[in-house]
Amino acid sequence: MFDISVVMPAGGVDQHLASQLESLEIQDFEGAWELVVVLNSDSSQEADKLQKLLDKFDLNGRLVVAAQKRSAAYARNVGVESAQAKVVAFCDADDICEPNWLRMLTGGLTEESKHVVGGHLAETQLSVEGQEHWRPPATPGALPTYLDVPYLVSANMAMPTKAFFDAGTFDESLTRCEDIALSWKLIDAGYELRYSAEAIVHYRHRKGLKKLLQQHYLYGLGFSELLSTYSIPGQNAQKTGSFGNKLRSNNARVEHRSIIHYSRRGAIAAGRLVGMLKGLTN
C-alpha cells in the first residue's frame, strides 16, 4: 500500500518528460509513494517509448493509458481511478518539481483530512527569454483566485483521494478551468483550500505570442462555460451566471503593462464572448 499516489498526465514522450522524471526520482519523501503516468494517446508506439523511459528511473512508476478522449481532465480522472493511495497529488509532465515538493505538499494530509493543498508555481527557471512579463503570476504568493474565490492549480496540488471523489472529479465537459470547477466543488463539499509556498514546481509556459493568445482564448471560453454550469461558492446560481459576472475582469496583478498584456486580455474577452454566444444557442 502506498501513502501517496502522484498522478501525471502526458500527451507523449518529449524532451521535457525525462527532466520531470529525474526530479521525481530524487524526491525526499520518506513514505511509500507511486507515480501514475497517464498517457493521453492511443499510440502504441508512444506507450512503448514511455514505458521504456519509465524503466530507466528508480520510481514506483506505472503507465496507464487514457485513450478515449484527448483531455487532460479525462487523463487525470483516469489516473485517480487507478491510484492505490488514500492521498493523491498532481503534477505535469513538462514541469520540474523541487526535491522536497512531495513532502511539503502532502505534509499533514491524510485520508480523513478536511483540507486540500495547492503548491507554488515558480516561473523563473523555465521562463522563455523575453516572455517573463507576459502573464500575471500563476500563484502570486498565495492560491490564485477567480472572481475573488481561491482555487488549486492542477499542475501542483494534493488532496485526500476521497475528497477528489466527494467533489465529483474533474469536469471533462469544460474547455478549460476544470481545476477552478473542482476547487469550487471541493469548497461546497466542505473542504478548506490551503496554500504551501514551500511545495515548489517550476512551471513551463508555452513559447510564442500565438500560443499565448490561443491559450488565453480557451481560458476565456472555459470561464463562460464554468459560470454557465457552476455557482460561485457562497452565491446563488442566478447571480453567478449573470451577464456581469461572465464579463467581469479577474483583475490579476501584472507588473508590466504592454501591448502583450492588452492582447492577452483581449483573447480572454473574445473567448468569454464566444462562450456566452454558444450558451445562448444551446
C-alpha atoms as a PDB file:
ATOM      1  CA  MET A   1       0.000   0.000   0.000  1.00  0.00           C
ATOM      2  CA  PHE A   2       1.232   3.475  -0.856  1.00  0.00           C
ATOM      3  CA  ASP A   3       0.917   6.640   1.235  1.00  0.00           C
ATOM      4  CA  ILE A   4       0.679   8.913  -1.811  1.00  0.00           C
ATOM      5  CA  SER A   5      -0.234   8.443  -5.463  1.00  0.00           C
ATOM      6  CA  VAL A   6       1.187  11.093  -7.797  1.00  0.00           C
ATOM      7  CA  VAL A   7      -0.866  11.430 -10.986  1.00  0.00           C
ATOM      8  CA  MET A   8       0.848  12.955 -14.010  1.00  0.00           C
ATOM      9  CA  PRO A   9      -0.831  13.168 -17.446  1.00  0.00           C
ATOM     10  CA  ALA A  10       1.357  13.018 -20.543  1.00  0.00           C
ATOM     11  CA  GLY A  11       0.461  13.520 -24.177  1.00  0.00           C
ATOM     12  CA  GLY A  12       3.517  11.546 -25.265  1.00  0.00           C
ATOM     13  CA  VAL A  13       7.269  11.406 -24.827  1.00  0.00           C
ATOM     14  CA  ASP A  14       9.042  14.716 -25.427  1.00  0.00           C
ATOM     15  CA  GLN A  15      12.262  16.440 -24.387  1.00  0.00           C
ATOM     16  CA  HIS A  16      10.789  17.690 -21.091  1.00  0.00           C
ATOM     17  CA  LEU A  17       9.414  14.454 -19.669  1.00  0.00           C
ATOM     18  CA  ALA A  18      12.805  12.976 -18.731  1.00  0.00           C
ATOM     19  CA  SER A  19      13.667  16.113 -16.745  1.00  0.00           C
ATOM     20  CA  GLN A  20      10.465  15.836 -14.741  1.00  0.00           C
ATOM     21  CA  LEU A  21      11.058  12.131 -14.081  1.00  0.00           C
ATOM     22  CA  GLU A  22      14.569  12.984 -12.872  1.00  0.00           C
ATOM     23  CA  SER A  23      13.118  15.492 -10.418  1.00  0.00           C
ATOM     24  CA  LEU A  24      10.607  12.946  -9.137  1.00  0.00           C
ATOM     25  CA  GLU A  25      13.290  10.273  -8.748  1.00  0.00           C
ATOM     26  CA  ILE A  26      15.117  12.391  -6.158  1.00  0.00           C
ATOM     27  CA  GLN A  27      12.121  13.334  -4.025  1.00  0.00           C
ATOM     28  CA  ASP A  28      12.989  13.266  -0.322  1.00  0.00           C
ATOM     29  CA  PHE A  29       9.568  11.999   0.756  1.00  0.00           C
ATOM     30  CA  GLU A  30      10.176   9.237   3.291  1.00  0.00           C
ATOM     31  CA  GLY A  31       6.925   7.346   2.880  1.00  0.00           C
ATOM     32  CA  ALA A  32       5.879   4.930   0.158  1.00  0.00           C
ATOM     33  CA  TRP A  33       4.556   6.578  -2.972  1.00  0.00           C
ATOM     34  CA  GLU A  34       3.739   5.669  -6.536  1.00  0.00           C
ATOM     35  CA  LEU A  35       3.831   7.600  -9.787  1.00  0.00           C
ATOM     36  CA  VAL A  36       0.882   7.070 -12.124  1.00  0.00           C
ATOM     37  CA  VAL A  37       1.806   8.358 -15.579  1.00  0.00           C
ATOM     38  CA  VAL A  38      -1.322   8.649 -17.709  1.00  0.00           C
ATOM     39  CA  LEU A  39      -0.684   8.547 -21.440  1.00  0.00           C
ATOM     40  CA  ASN A  40      -3.437  10.559 -23.127  1.00  0.00           C
ATOM     41  CA  SER A  41      -2.952   8.905 -26.504  1.00  0.00           C
ATOM     42  CA  ASP A  42      -3.942   5.740 -28.336  1.00  0.00           C
ATOM     43  CA  SER A  43      -0.497   5.381 -29.917  1.00  0.00           C
ATOM     44  CA  SER A  44       1.075   2.031 -29.045  1.00  0.00           C
ATOM     45  CA  GLN A  45       4.405   3.448 -30.186  1.00  0.00           C
ATOM     46  CA  GLU A  46       4.168   6.279 -27.647  1.00  0.00           C
ATOM     47  CA  ALA A  47       3.170   3.804 -24.961  1.00  0.00           C
ATOM     48  CA  ASP A  48       6.248   1.679 -25.696  1.00  0.00           C
ATOM     49  CA  LYS A  49       8.520   4.740 -25.656  1.00  0.00           C
ATOM     50  CA  LEU A  50       7.033   5.947 -22.399  1.00  0.00           C
ATOM     51  CA  GLN A  51       7.360   2.565 -20.703  1.00  0.00           C
ATOM     52  CA  LYS A  52      10.997   2.292 -21.791  1.00  0.00           C
ATOM     53  CA  LEU A  53      11.658   5.766 -20.385  1.00  0.00           C
ATOM     54  CA  LEU A  54       9.938   4.948 -17.088  1.00  0.00           C
ATOM     55  CA  ASP A  55      12.054   1.785 -16.774  1.00  0.00           C
ATOM     56  CA  LYS A  56      15.204   3.904 -16.704  1.00  0.00           C
ATOM     57  CA  PHE A  57      14.226   5.549 -13.411  1.00  0.00           C
ATOM     58  CA  ASP A  58      14.144   4.224  -9.870  1.00  0.00           C
ATOM     59  CA  LEU A  59      10.485   5.054  -9.352  1.00  0.00           C
ATOM     60  CA  ASN A  60       7.368   3.115  -8.424  1.00  0.00           C
ATOM     61  CA  GLY A  61       6.089   4.214 -11.799  1.00  0.00           C
ATOM     62  CA  ARG A  62       3.080   2.770 -13.591  1.00  0.00           C
ATOM     63  CA  LEU A  63       1.882   3.562 -17.084  1.00  0.00           C
ATOM     64  CA  VAL A  64      -1.871   3.940 -17.548  1.00  0.00           C
ATOM     65  CA  VAL A  65      -3.391   4.613 -20.958  1.00  0.00           C
ATOM     66  CA  ALA A  66      -6.313   7.041 -21.286  1.00  0.00           C
ATOM     67  CA  ALA A  67      -7.152   6.955 -24.977  1.00  0.00           C
ATOM     68  CA  GLN A  68     -10.899   7.558 -25.120  1.00  0.00           C
ATOM     69  CA  LYS A  69     -10.616  11.338 -25.468  1.00  0.00           C
ATOM     70  CA  ARG A  70      -7.875  13.945 -25.768  1.00  0.00           C
ATOM     71  CA  SER A  71      -8.254  15.826 -22.488  1.00  0.00           C
ATOM     72  CA  ALA A  72      -6.005  16.486 -19.516  1.00  0.00           C
ATOM     73  CA  ALA A  73      -9.072  16.438 -17.242  1.00  0.00           C
ATOM     74  CA  TYR A  74     -10.030  12.998 -18.545  1.00  0.00           C
ATOM     75  CA  ALA A  75      -6.445  11.741 -18.181  1.00  0.00           C
ATOM     76  CA  ARG A  76      -6.255  12.917 -14.573  1.00  0.00           C
ATOM     77  CA  ASN A  77      -9.597  11.298 -13.768  1.00  0.00           C
ATOM     78  CA  VAL A  78      -8.379   8.005 -15.235  1.00  0.00           C
ATOM     79  CA  GLY A  79      -5.181   8.348 -13.215  1.00  0.00           C
ATOM     80  CA  VAL A  80      -7.009   8.836  -9.921  1.00  0.00           C
ATOM     81  CA  GLU A  81      -9.282   5.882 -10.699  1.00  0.00           C
ATOM     82  CA  SER A  82      -6.089   3.815 -10.936  1.00  0.00           C
ATOM     83  CA  ALA A  83      -4.431   5.319  -7.848  1.00  0.00           C
ATOM     84  CA  GLN A  84      -3.730   2.963  -4.949  1.00  0.00           C
ATOM     85  CA  ALA A  85      -3.193   5.523  -2.154  1.00  0.00           C
ATOM     86  CA  LYS A  86      -5.612   7.393   0.106  1.00  0.00           C
ATOM     87  CA  VAL A  87      -3.947  10.713  -0.799  1.00  0.00           C
ATOM     88  CA  VAL A  88      -3.390  11.855  -4.366  1.00  0.00           C
ATOM     89  CA  ALA A  89      -1.069  14.576  -5.703  1.00  0.00           C
ATOM     90  CA  PHE A  90      -0.850  16.055  -9.189  1.00  0.00           C
ATOM     91  CA  CYS A  91       1.944  17.441 -11.353  1.00  0.00           C
ATOM     92  CA  ASP A  92       2.517  17.928 -15.084  1.00  0.00           C
ATOM     93  CA  ALA A  93       4.924  16.173 -17.416  1.00  0.00           C
ATOM     94  CA  ASP A  94       6.652  19.300 -18.749  1.00  0.00           C
ATOM     95  CA  ASP A  95       7.452  20.945 -15.394  1.00  0.00           C
ATOM     96  CA  ILE A  96      10.159  20.255 -12.785  1.00  0.00           C
ATOM     97  CA  CYS A  97       9.461  19.527  -9.114  1.00  0.00           C
ATOM     98  CA  GLU A  98      11.807  20.611  -6.348  1.00  0.00           C
ATOM     99  CA  PRO A  99      13.300  17.647  -4.396  1.00  0.00           C
ATOM    100  CA  ASN A 100      11.139  18.397  -1.337  1.00  0.00           C
ATOM    101  CA  TRP A 101       7.983  19.088  -3.367  1.00  0.00           C
ATOM    102  CA  LEU A 102       6.011  15.994  -2.434  1.00  0.00           C
ATOM    103  CA  ARG A 103       6.962  16.158   1.246  1.00  0.00           C
ATOM    104  CA  MET A 104       5.986  19.815   1.560  1.00  0.00           C
ATOM    105  CA  LEU A 105       2.793  19.443  -0.466  1.00  0.00           C
ATOM    106  CA  THR A 106       1.403  16.433   1.375  1.00  0.00           C
ATOM    107  CA  GLY A 107       2.674  17.034   4.904  1.00  0.00           C
ATOM    108  CA  GLY A 108      -0.246  16.593   7.290  1.00  0.00           C
ATOM    109  CA  LEU A 109      -2.609  15.255   4.637  1.00  0.00           C
ATOM    110  CA  THR A 110      -4.404  12.011   5.486  1.00  0.00           C
ATOM    111  CA  GLU A 111      -7.471  10.279   4.127  1.00  0.00           C
ATOM    112  CA  GLU A 112      -9.504  11.946   6.910  1.00  0.00           C
ATOM    113  CA  SER A 113      -8.252  15.491   6.239  1.00  0.00           C
ATOM    114  CA  LYS A 114     -10.845  18.167   5.570  1.00  0.00           C
ATOM    115  CA  HIS A 115      -8.392  20.329   3.683  1.00  0.00           C
ATOM    116  CA  VAL A 116      -6.700  20.224   0.305  1.00  0.00           C
ATOM    117  CA  VAL A 117      -3.402  21.859  -0.703  1.00  0.00           C
ATOM    118  CA  GLY A 118      -2.066  23.832  -3.646  1.00  0.00           C
ATOM    119  CA  GLY A 119       1.660  24.488  -4.039  1.00  0.00           C
ATOM    120  CA  HIS A 120       3.730  27.296  -5.529  1.00  0.00           C
ATOM    121  CA  LEU A 121       4.378  27.585  -9.259  1.00  0.00           C
ATOM    122  CA  ALA A 122       7.812  29.162  -9.790  1.00  0.00           C
ATOM    123  CA  GLU A 123       8.050  30.824 -13.205  1.00  0.00           C
ATOM    124  CA  THR A 124      11.684  31.932 -13.461  1.00  0.00           C
ATOM    125  CA  GLN A 125      13.786  28.795 -14.010  1.00  0.00           C
ATOM    126  CA  LEU A 126      11.860  27.600 -17.082  1.00  0.00           C
ATOM    127  CA  SER A 127      10.864  31.013 -18.407  1.00  0.00           C
ATOM    128  CA  VAL A 128      11.159  31.844 -22.096  1.00  0.00           C
ATOM    129  CA  GLU A 129      13.553  34.722 -22.694  1.00  0.00           C
ATOM    130  CA  GLY A 130      11.606  37.858 -23.481  1.00  0.00           C
ATOM    131  CA  GLN A 131       8.316  36.469 -22.152  1.00  0.00           C
ATOM    132  CA  GLU A 132       8.969  36.976 -18.434  1.00  0.00           C
ATOM    133  CA  HIS A 133       6.301  39.674 -18.048  1.00  0.00           C
ATOM    134  CA  TRP A 134       3.665  38.419 -20.461  1.00  0.00           C
ATOM    135  CA  ARG A 135       1.429  36.915 -17.777  1.00  0.00           C
ATOM    136  CA  PRO A 136       0.334  37.633 -14.215  1.00  0.00           C
ATOM    137  CA  PRO A 137       1.939  35.276 -11.676  1.00  0.00           C
ATOM    138  CA  ALA A 138       0.291  31.868 -11.574  1.00  0.00           C
ATOM    139  CA  THR A 139       0.491  31.746  -7.761  1.00  0.00           C
ATOM    140  CA  PRO A 140       1.004  35.320  -6.508  1.00  0.00           C
ATOM    141  CA  GLY A 141       2.326  34.357  -3.070  1.00  0.00           C
ATOM    142  CA  ALA A 142      -0.972  32.588  -2.445  1.00  0.00           C
ATOM    143  CA  LEU A 143      -3.500  30.474  -4.248  1.00  0.00           C
ATOM    144  CA  PRO A 144      -4.740  32.239  -7.384  1.00  0.00           C
ATOM    145  CA  THR A 145      -8.314  33.486  -7.370  1.00  0.00           C
ATOM    146  CA  TYR A 146     -11.131  33.731  -9.875  1.00  0.00           C
ATOM    147  CA  LEU A 147     -13.968  36.128  -9.049  1.00  0.00           C
ATOM    148  CA  ASP A 148     -12.372  36.518  -5.597  1.00  0.00           C
ATOM    149  CA  VAL A 149     -12.529  32.791  -4.788  1.00  0.00           C
ATOM    150  CA  PRO A 150      -9.208  30.898  -4.406  1.00  0.00           C
ATOM    151  CA  TYR A 151      -8.576  27.762  -6.407  1.00  0.00           C
ATOM    152  CA  LEU A 152      -5.993  24.997  -6.750  1.00  0.00           C
ATOM    153  CA  VAL A 153      -3.948  24.691  -9.941  1.00  0.00           C
ATOM    154  CA  SER A 154      -3.902  21.149 -11.323  1.00  0.00           C
ATOM    155  CA  ALA A 155      -0.146  21.340 -12.003  1.00  0.00           C
ATOM    156  CA  ASN A 156       0.612  21.393  -8.271  1.00  0.00           C
ATOM    157  CA  MET A 157      -1.980  20.180  -5.791  1.00  0.00           C
ATOM    158  CA  ALA A 158      -2.823  17.340  -3.394  1.00  0.00           C
ATOM    159  CA  MET A 159      -5.853  16.096  -1.511  1.00  0.00           C
ATOM    160  CA  PRO A 160      -7.369  13.013   0.082  1.00  0.00           C
ATOM    161  CA  THR A 161      -8.496  10.695  -2.696  1.00  0.00           C
ATOM    162  CA  LYS A 162     -11.898  10.682  -1.021  1.00  0.00           C
ATOM    163  CA  ALA A 163     -12.094  14.471  -1.387  1.00  0.00           C
ATOM    164  CA  PHE A 164     -11.492  14.176  -5.119  1.00  0.00           C
ATOM    165  CA  PHE A 165     -14.455  11.852  -5.491  1.00  0.00           C
ATOM    166  CA  ASP A 166     -16.575  13.804  -2.991  1.00  0.00           C
ATOM    167  CA  ALA A 167     -16.166  16.791  -5.324  1.00  0.00           C
ATOM    168  CA  GLY A 168     -17.172  14.780  -8.370  1.00  0.00           C
ATOM    169  CA  THR A 169     -13.749  14.648 -10.140  1.00  0.00           C
ATOM    170  CA  PHE A 170     -12.583  16.961 -12.949  1.00  0.00           C
ATOM    171  CA  ASP A 171     -15.356  18.161 -15.252  1.00  0.00           C
ATOM    172  CA  GLU A 172     -14.389  16.805 -18.672  1.00  0.00           C
ATOM    173  CA  SER A 173     -17.035  18.911 -20.437  1.00  0.00           C
ATOM    174  CA  LEU A 174     -15.185  22.193 -19.818  1.00  0.00           C
ATOM    175  CA  THR A 175     -12.799  23.528 -22.459  1.00  0.00           C
ATOM    176  CA  ARG A 176     -10.584  24.877 -19.664  1.00  0.00           C
ATOM    177  CA  CYS A 177     -10.935  25.878 -15.982  1.00  0.00           C
ATOM    178  CA  GLU A 178     -11.619  22.346 -14.765  1.00  0.00           C
ATOM    179  CA  ASP A 179      -9.305  22.996 -11.796  1.00  0.00           C
ATOM    180  CA  ILE A 180     -11.403  26.031 -10.807  1.00  0.00           C
ATOM    181  CA  ALA A 181     -14.566  23.945 -11.078  1.00  0.00           C
ATOM    182  CA  LEU A 182     -13.032  21.188  -8.941  1.00  0.00           C
ATOM    183  CA  SER A 183     -11.936  23.744  -6.343  1.00  0.00           C
ATOM    184  CA  TRP A 184     -15.418  25.251  -6.147  1.00  0.00           C
ATOM    185  CA  LYS A 185     -16.912  21.785  -5.722  1.00  0.00           C
ATOM    186  CA  LEU A 186     -14.375  20.992  -3.000  1.00  0.00           C
ATOM    187  CA  ILE A 187     -15.368  24.169  -1.137  1.00  0.00           C
ATOM    188  CA  ASP A 188     -19.044  23.292  -1.472  1.00  0.00           C
ATOM    189  CA  ALA A 189     -18.248  19.791  -0.174  1.00  0.00           C
ATOM    190  CA  GLY A 190     -16.781  21.323   2.995  1.00  0.00           C
ATOM    191  CA  TYR A 191     -13.043  21.194   2.257  1.00  0.00           C
ATOM    192  CA  GLU A 192     -10.672  24.043   3.108  1.00  0.00           C
ATOM    193  CA  LEU A 193      -8.229  25.163   0.411  1.00  0.00           C
ATOM    194  CA  ARG A 194      -4.682  25.788   1.708  1.00  0.00           C
ATOM    195  CA  TYR A 195      -1.508  27.104   0.094  1.00  0.00           C
ATOM    196  CA  SER A 196       2.015  25.731   0.583  1.00  0.00           C
ATOM    197  CA  ALA A 197       4.695  28.170  -0.532  1.00  0.00           C
ATOM    198  CA  GLU A 198       7.363  25.508   0.101  1.00  0.00           C
ATOM    199  CA  ALA A 199       5.848  22.952  -2.300  1.00  0.00           C
ATOM    200  CA  ILE A 200       7.515  24.299  -5.429  1.00  0.00           C
ATOM    201  CA  VAL A 201       7.049  23.229  -9.016  1.00  0.00           C
ATOM    202  CA  HIS A 202       8.987  25.035 -11.738  1.00  0.00           C
ATOM    203  CA  TYR A 203       6.290  25.883 -14.251  1.00  0.00           C
ATOM    204  CA  ARG A 204       6.780  25.904 -18.013  1.00  0.00           C
ATOM    205  CA  HIS A 205       4.782  28.328 -20.157  1.00  0.00           C
ATOM    206  CA  ARG A 206       4.174  27.880 -23.853  1.00  0.00           C
ATOM    207  CA  LYS A 207       6.528  29.657 -26.199  1.00  0.00           C
ATOM    208  CA  GLY A 208       5.394  32.386 -28.572  1.00  0.00           C
ATOM    209  CA  LEU A 209       2.656  35.004 -28.832  1.00  0.00           C
ATOM    210  CA  LYS A 210       0.342  32.852 -30.962  1.00  0.00           C
ATOM    211  CA  LYS A 211       0.287  30.056 -28.396  1.00  0.00           C
ATOM    212  CA  LEU A 212      -0.243  32.580 -25.581  1.00  0.00           C
ATOM    213  CA  LEU A 213      -3.279  34.076 -27.306  1.00  0.00           C
ATOM    214  CA  GLN A 214      -4.697  30.675 -28.212  1.00  0.00           C
ATOM    215  CA  GLN A 215      -4.303  29.501 -24.633  1.00  0.00           C
ATOM    216  CA  HIS A 216      -5.981  32.568 -23.156  1.00  0.00           C
ATOM    217  CA  TYR A 217      -8.811  32.488 -25.679  1.00  0.00           C
ATOM    218  CA  LEU A 218      -9.530  28.956 -24.434  1.00  0.00           C
ATOM    219  CA  TYR A 219      -9.353  30.208 -20.840  1.00  0.00           C
ATOM    220  CA  GLY A 220     -11.996  32.784 -21.696  1.00  0.00           C
ATOM    221  CA  LEU A 221     -14.175  30.115 -23.275  1.00  0.00           C
ATOM    222  CA  GLY A 222     -13.724  27.985 -20.179  1.00  0.00           C
ATOM    223  CA  PHE A 223     -14.685  30.889 -17.905  1.00  0.00           C
ATOM    224  CA  SER A 224     -18.022  31.252 -19.682  1.00  0.00           C
ATOM    225  CA  GLU A 225     -18.656  27.516 -19.564  1.00  0.00           C
ATOM    226  CA  LEU A 226     -17.750  27.446 -15.874  1.00  0.00           C
ATOM    227  CA  LEU A 227     -20.203  30.197 -14.974  1.00  0.00           C
ATOM    228  CA  SER A 228     -22.951  28.608 -17.053  1.00  0.00           C
ATOM    229  CA  THR A 229     -22.524  25.348 -15.148  1.00  0.00           C
ATOM    230  CA  TYR A 230     -21.492  26.177 -11.576  1.00  0.00           C
ATOM    231  CA  SER A 231     -22.358  28.590  -8.815  1.00  0.00           C
ATOM    232  CA  ILE A 232     -19.612  30.593  -7.131  1.00  0.00           C
ATOM    233  CA  PRO A 233     -19.281  29.180  -3.601  1.00  0.00           C
ATOM    234  CA  GLY A 234     -21.460  31.260  -1.299  1.00  0.00           C
ATOM    235  CA  GLN A 235     -23.516  32.811  -4.091  1.00  0.00           C
ATOM    236  CA  ASN A 236     -26.780  31.800  -5.704  1.00  0.00           C
ATOM    237  CA  ALA A 237     -26.862  30.395  -9.214  1.00  0.00           C
ATOM    238  CA  GLN A 238     -28.724  33.349 -10.727  1.00  0.00           C
ATOM    239  CA  LYS A 239     -26.055  35.821  -9.579  1.00  0.00           C
ATOM    240  CA  THR A 240     -23.220  33.530 -10.653  1.00  0.00           C
ATOM    241  CA  GLY A 241     -24.426  33.151 -14.224  1.00  0.00           C
ATOM    242  CA  SER A 242     -25.280  36.795 -14.679  1.00  0.00           C
ATOM    243  CA  PHE A 243     -24.113  38.735 -17.731  1.00  0.00           C
ATOM    244  CA  GLY A 244     -21.961  40.937 -15.493  1.00  0.00           C
ATOM    245  CA  ASN A 245     -20.113  38.029 -13.924  1.00  0.00           C
ATOM    246  CA  LYS A 246     -19.434  36.443 -17.292  1.00  0.00           C
ATOM    247  CA  LEU A 247     -17.663  39.599 -18.483  1.00  0.00           C
ATOM    248  CA  ARG A 248     -16.159  40.662 -15.148  1.00  0.00           C
ATOM    249  CA  SER A 249     -12.370  41.050 -15.202  1.00  0.00           C
ATOM    250  CA  ASN A 250     -10.427  38.925 -12.757  1.00  0.00           C
ATOM    251  CA  ASN A 251      -8.042  41.845 -12.108  1.00  0.00           C
ATOM    252  CA  ALA A 252      -4.968  39.620 -11.907  1.00  0.00           C
ATOM    253  CA  ARG A 253      -1.979  41.784 -10.960  1.00  0.00           C
ATOM    254  CA  VAL A 254       0.660  42.440 -13.605  1.00  0.00           C
ATOM    255  CA  GLU A 255       3.840  44.455 -13.055  1.00  0.00           C
ATOM    256  CA  HIS A 256       4.428  45.473 -16.669  1.00  0.00           C
ATOM    257  CA  ARG A 257       1.606  46.548 -18.964  1.00  0.00           C
ATOM    258  CA  SER A 258       2.276  46.391 -22.672  1.00  0.00           C
ATOM    259  CA  ILE A 259       0.591  45.545 -25.939  1.00  0.00           C
ATOM    260  CA  ILE A 260       1.066  41.876 -24.971  1.00  0.00           C
ATOM    261  CA  HIS A 261      -0.891  42.440 -21.772  1.00  0.00           C
ATOM    262  CA  TYR A 262      -3.816  44.006 -23.606  1.00  0.00           C
ATOM    263  CA  SER A 263      -3.702  41.379 -26.376  1.00  0.00           C
ATOM    264  CA  ARG A 264      -3.827  38.610 -23.766  1.00  0.00           C
ATOM    265  CA  ARG A 265      -6.817  40.209 -22.064  1.00  0.00           C
ATOM    266  CA  GLY A 266      -8.466  40.702 -25.437  1.00  0.00           C
ATOM    267  CA  ALA A 267      -8.062  36.989 -26.188  1.00  0.00           C
ATOM    268  CA  ILE A 268      -9.722  36.114 -22.869  1.00  0.00           C
ATOM    269  CA  ALA A 269     -12.582  38.529 -23.602  1.00  0.00           C
ATOM    270  CA  ALA A 270     -13.062  37.026 -27.074  1.00  0.00           C
ATOM    271  CA  GLY A 271     -13.253  33.546 -25.592  1.00  0.00           C
ATOM    272  CA  ARG A 272     -15.756  34.690 -22.994  1.00  0.00           C
ATOM    273  CA  LEU A 273     -17.953  36.296 -25.641  1.00  0.00           C
ATOM    274  CA  VAL A 274     -17.900  33.198 -27.848  1.00  0.00           C
ATOM    275  CA  GLY A 275     -18.735  31.060 -24.812  1.00  0.00           C
ATOM    276  CA  MET A 276     -21.670  33.293 -23.945  1.00  0.00           C
ATOM    277  CA  LEU A 277     -23.000  33.150 -27.510  1.00  0.00           C
ATOM    278  CA  LYS A 278     -22.685  29.361 -27.544  1.00  0.00           C
ATOM    279  CA  GLY A 279     -24.602  29.251 -24.299  1.00  0.00           C
ATOM    280  CA  LEU A 280     -27.418  31.277 -25.805  1.00  0.00           C
ATOM    281  CA  THR A 281     -27.729  28.952 -28.792  1.00  0.00           C
ATOM    282  CA  ASN A 282     -27.614  25.681 -26.852  1.00  0.00           C
END
